[in-house]
Amino acid sequence: MNEVIKFLQQNPVQYLATVGRDGKAKCRPFMFAGELEGKLWFCTNHTKDVYKDMQANPNIEISVSSSDYAWIRLSGQSVFEDNMAAKEMCIQNPIVKGQYKEASNPIFEVFYLKNAHAVIADFSGNPPSEYTL
């Protein structure tokens, strides 16, 4: 898990893909919030389409590449949980704090990845590293 966390932290703007409620693929920039209780956490709010898409179909994939041409693909099911410790962790990010002000904001939502699977690969020709989280 440490390699996955390090990769996400070093490449802070990832891209999260969902299946939209219209059945079409949707991809948008996202940010990893951190690890807590052995889970990878992210945040959004319940007024956004991404939240509604994940409620309809929790299967998501996150991807990002590094400046040295390595990349990660992280998949799993989004699980929303009213977890104040996770919200407090997320709100430490100045961008998140600027949007939601405080962890108790009623529209602020946090989710973790259940059954997460990560693949870190590059163009070296070496086999990718795989992780079940």
C-alpha atoms as a PDB file:
ATOM      1  CA  MET A   1       0.000   0.000   0.000  1.00  0.00           C
ATOM      2  CA  ASN A   2       2.874   2.385   0.732  1.00  0.00           C
ATOM      3  CA  GLU A   3       3.979   2.452  -2.919  1.00  0.00           C
ATOM      4  CA  VAL A   4       0.432   3.308  -4.032  1.00  0.00           C
ATOM      5  CA  ILE A   5       0.078   6.088  -1.454  1.00  0.00           C
ATOM      6  CA  LYS A   6       3.490   7.524  -2.356  1.00  0.00           C
ATOM      7  CA  PHE A   7       2.638   7.523  -6.086  1.00  0.00           C
ATOM      8  CA  LEU A   8      -0.696   9.291  -5.482  1.00  0.00           C
ATOM      9  CA  GLN A   9       0.900  11.871  -3.180  1.00  0.00           C
ATOM     10  CA  GLN A  10       3.705  12.594  -5.649  1.00  0.00           C
ATOM     11  CA  ASN A  11       1.175  13.087  -8.468  1.00  0.00           C
ATOM     12  CA  PRO A  12      -1.557  15.064  -6.726  1.00  0.00           C
ATOM     13  CA  VAL A  13      -4.064  15.565  -9.536  1.00  0.00           C
ATOM     14  CA  GLN A  14      -5.434  12.224 -10.628  1.00  0.00           C
ATOM     15  CA  TYR A  15      -8.283  11.431 -13.006  1.00  0.00           C
ATOM     16  CA  LEU A  16     -11.324   9.582 -11.706  1.00  0.00           C
ATOM     17  CA  ALA A  17     -13.517   7.691 -14.158  1.00  0.00           C
ATOM     18  CA  THR A  18     -17.095   6.618 -13.570  1.00  0.00           C
ATOM     19  CA  VAL A  19     -19.934   5.246 -15.621  1.00  0.00           C
ATOM     20  CA  GLY A  20     -22.330   8.172 -15.875  1.00  0.00           C
ATOM     21  CA  ARG A  21     -26.016   7.789 -15.190  1.00  0.00           C
ATOM     22  CA  ASP A  22     -26.443   8.189 -18.945  1.00  0.00           C
ATOM     23  CA  GLY A  23     -24.349   5.033 -19.468  1.00  0.00           C
ATOM     24  CA  LYS A  24     -21.389   6.964 -20.901  1.00  0.00           C
ATOM     25  CA  ALA A  25     -17.867   7.114 -19.494  1.00  0.00           C
ATOM     26  CA  LYS A  26     -17.065  10.207 -17.402  1.00  0.00           C
ATOM     27  CA  CYS A  27     -13.591  11.298 -16.346  1.00  0.00           C
ATOM     28  CA  ARG A  28     -12.664  14.256 -14.156  1.00  0.00           C
ATOM     29  CA  PRO A  29      -9.707  15.558 -12.165  1.00  0.00           C
ATOM     30  CA  PHE A  30      -9.641  14.440  -8.545  1.00  0.00           C
ATOM     31  CA  MET A  31      -7.283  14.439  -5.567  1.00  0.00           C
ATOM     32  CA  PHE A  32      -6.291  11.664  -3.189  1.00  0.00           C
ATOM     33  CA  ALA A  33      -6.953  12.764   0.389  1.00  0.00           C
ATOM     34  CA  GLY A  34      -4.945  10.181   2.302  1.00  0.00           C
ATOM     35  CA  GLU A  35      -4.898   6.827   4.045  1.00  0.00           C
ATOM     36  CA  LEU A  36      -6.854   6.238   7.225  1.00  0.00           C
ATOM     37  CA  GLU A  37      -7.733   2.945   8.921  1.00  0.00           C
ATOM     38  CA  GLY A  38      -6.057   1.055   6.055  1.00  0.00           C
ATOM     39  CA  LYS A  39      -8.333   2.679   3.461  1.00  0.00           C
ATOM     40  CA  LEU A  40      -7.645   5.127   0.627  1.00  0.00           C
ATOM     41  CA  TRP A  41      -9.890   8.194   1.045  1.00  0.00           C
ATOM     42  CA  PHE A  42     -11.205  10.818  -1.359  1.00  0.00           C
ATOM     43  CA  CYS A  43     -13.826  13.539  -1.037  1.00  0.00           C
ATOM     44  CA  THR A  44     -16.498  15.364  -3.012  1.00  0.00           C
ATOM     45  CA  ASN A  45     -19.948  16.758  -2.299  1.00  0.00           C
ATOM     46  CA  HIS A  46     -23.405  15.352  -2.762  1.00  0.00           C
ATOM     47  CA  THR A  47     -24.536  18.052  -5.203  1.00  0.00           C
ATOM     48  CA  LYS A  48     -22.041  16.966  -7.889  1.00  0.00           C
ATOM     49  CA  ASP A  49     -22.723  14.609 -10.777  1.00  0.00           C
ATOM     50  CA  VAL A  50     -19.715  12.489  -9.778  1.00  0.00           C
ATOM     51  CA  TYR A  51     -21.385  11.738  -6.429  1.00  0.00           C
ATOM     52  CA  LYS A  52     -24.646  10.839  -8.137  1.00  0.00           C
ATOM     53  CA  ASP A  53     -22.805   8.671 -10.676  1.00  0.00           C
ATOM     54  CA  MET A  54     -21.014   6.766  -7.891  1.00  0.00           C
ATOM     55  CA  GLN A  55     -24.293   6.284  -6.038  1.00  0.00           C
ATOM     56  CA  ALA A  56     -25.774   4.693  -9.175  1.00  0.00           C
ATOM     57  CA  ASN A  57     -22.645   2.628  -9.964  1.00  0.00           C
ATOM     58  CA  PRO A  58     -19.867   2.551  -7.339  1.00  0.00           C
ATOM     59  CA  ASN A  59     -17.249   1.010  -9.652  1.00  0.00           C
ATOM     60  CA  ILE A  60     -14.559   3.585 -10.413  1.00  0.00           C
ATOM     61  CA  GLU A  61     -11.039   3.790 -11.720  1.00  0.00           C
ATOM     62  CA  ILE A  62      -8.404   6.413 -10.952  1.00  0.00           C
ATOM     63  CA  SER A  63      -5.325   7.012 -13.056  1.00  0.00           C
ATOM     64  CA  VAL A  64      -2.400   9.425 -13.164  1.00  0.00           C
ATOM     65  CA  SER A  65       1.037   9.467 -14.735  1.00  0.00           C
ATOM     66  CA  SER A  66       4.274  10.825 -13.360  1.00  0.00           C
ATOM     67  CA  SER A  67       6.753  13.139 -15.047  1.00  0.00           C
ATOM     68  CA  ASP A  68       9.042  10.140 -15.635  1.00  0.00           C
ATOM     69  CA  TYR A  69       6.349   8.260 -17.598  1.00  0.00           C
ATOM     70  CA  ALA A  70       5.194   5.830 -14.940  1.00  0.00           C
ATOM     71  CA  TRP A  71       1.491   5.524 -14.210  1.00  0.00           C
ATOM     72  CA  ILE A  72      -0.995   4.037 -11.821  1.00  0.00           C
ATOM     73  CA  ARG A  73      -4.407   2.540 -12.411  1.00  0.00           C
ATOM     74  CA  LEU A  74      -6.405   2.189  -9.204  1.00  0.00           C
ATOM     75  CA  SER A  75      -9.821   0.571  -9.263  1.00  0.00           C
ATOM     76  CA  GLY A  76     -12.447  -0.400  -6.715  1.00  0.00           C
ATOM     77  CA  GLN A  77     -15.893   0.375  -5.421  1.00  0.00           C
ATOM     78  CA  SER A  78     -16.565   3.769  -3.871  1.00  0.00           C
ATOM     79  CA  VAL A  79     -18.036   3.484  -0.384  1.00  0.00           C
ATOM     80  CA  PHE A  80     -19.409   6.678   1.127  1.00  0.00           C
ATOM     81  CA  GLU A  81     -19.207   6.862   4.885  1.00  0.00           C
ATOM     82  CA  ASP A  82     -20.042   9.605   7.359  1.00  0.00           C
ATOM     83  CA  ASN A  83     -16.573   9.392   8.928  1.00  0.00           C
ATOM     84  CA  MET A  84     -15.593  12.590  10.733  1.00  0.00           C
ATOM     85  CA  ALA A  85     -11.949  11.521  11.103  1.00  0.00           C
ATOM     86  CA  ALA A  86     -11.725  11.080   7.312  1.00  0.00           C
ATOM     87  CA  LYS A  87     -13.464  14.429   6.771  1.00  0.00           C
ATOM     88  CA  GLU A  88     -10.995  16.121   9.122  1.00  0.00           C
ATOM     89  CA  MET A  89      -8.107  14.550   7.208  1.00  0.00           C
ATOM     90  CA  CYS A  90      -9.539  15.718   3.868  1.00  0.00           C
ATOM     91  CA  ILE A  91     -10.192  19.269   5.040  1.00  0.00           C
ATOM     92  CA  GLN A  92      -6.466  19.697   5.799  1.00  0.00           C
ATOM     93  CA  ASN A  93      -5.937  20.166   2.060  1.00  0.00           C
ATOM     94  CA  PRO A  94      -6.117  23.945   1.414  1.00  0.00           C
ATOM     95  CA  ILE A  95      -8.067  23.419  -1.814  1.00  0.00           C
ATOM     96  CA  VAL A  96     -10.686  21.303  -0.040  1.00  0.00           C
ATOM     97  CA  LYS A  97     -10.816  23.727   2.892  1.00  0.00           C
ATOM     98  CA  GLY A  98     -11.335  26.611   0.475  1.00  0.00           C
ATOM     99  CA  GLN A  99     -14.364  24.872  -1.016  1.00  0.00           C
ATOM    100  CA  TYR A 100     -16.033  23.429   2.083  1.00  0.00           C
ATOM    101  CA  LYS A 101     -14.604  25.561   4.954  1.00  0.00           C
ATOM    102  CA  GLU A 102     -15.096  22.886   7.618  1.00  0.00           C
ATOM    103  CA  ALA A 103     -15.473  19.132   7.918  1.00  0.00           C
ATOM    104  CA  SER A 104     -19.018  19.469   9.212  1.00  0.00           C
ATOM    105  CA  ASN A 105     -20.257  21.149   6.006  1.00  0.00           C
ATOM    106  CA  PRO A 106     -23.524  19.307   5.265  1.00  0.00           C
ATOM    107  CA  ILE A 107     -22.752  18.759   1.556  1.00  0.00           C
ATOM    108  CA  PHE A 108     -19.203  17.468   2.188  1.00  0.00           C
ATOM    109  CA  GLU A 109     -18.844  13.716   1.528  1.00  0.00           C
ATOM    110  CA  VAL A 110     -15.951  11.282   1.907  1.00  0.00           C
ATOM    111  CA  PHE A 111     -15.482   7.881   0.358  1.00  0.00           C
ATOM    112  CA  TYR A 112     -12.926   5.097   0.343  1.00  0.00           C
ATOM    113  CA  LEU A 113     -12.162   2.370  -2.154  1.00  0.00           C
ATOM    114  CA  LYS A 114     -13.402  -1.112  -1.305  1.00  0.00           C
ATOM    115  CA  ASN A 115     -11.711  -4.084  -2.987  1.00  0.00           C
ATOM    116  CA  ALA A 116      -9.079  -1.715  -4.326  1.00  0.00           C
ATOM    117  CA  HIS A 117      -6.595  -2.972  -6.884  1.00  0.00           C
ATOM    118  CA  ALA A 118      -3.637  -0.928  -8.116  1.00  0.00           C
ATOM    119  CA  VAL A 119      -1.233  -1.406 -10.983  1.00  0.00           C
ATOM    120  CA  ILE A 120       1.893   0.741 -11.280  1.00  0.00           C
ATOM    121  CA  ALA A 121       3.638   0.446 -14.635  1.00  0.00           C
ATOM    122  CA  ASP A 122       6.037   2.274 -16.939  1.00  0.00           C
ATOM    123  CA  PHE A 123       7.584   1.946 -20.396  1.00  0.00           C
ATOM    124  CA  SER A 124      10.673   0.041 -19.181  1.00  0.00           C
ATOM    125  CA  GLY A 125       9.410  -3.312 -20.387  1.00  0.00           C
ATOM    126  CA  ASN A 126       9.508  -4.646 -16.832  1.00  0.00           C
ATOM    127  CA  PRO A 127       6.318  -6.250 -15.518  1.00  0.00           C
ATOM    128  CA  PRO A 128       4.008  -3.885 -13.655  1.00  0.00           C
ATOM    129  CA  SER A 129       3.691  -3.944  -9.881  1.00  0.00           C
ATOM    130  CA  GLU A 130       0.251  -5.024  -8.692  1.00  0.00           C
ATOM    131  CA  TYR A 131      -1.318  -4.422  -5.306  1.00  0.00           C
ATOM    132  CA  THR A 132      -4.541  -5.620  -3.715  1.00  0.00           C
ATOM    133  CA  LEU A 133      -5.475  -3.141  -1.025  1.00  0.00           C
END
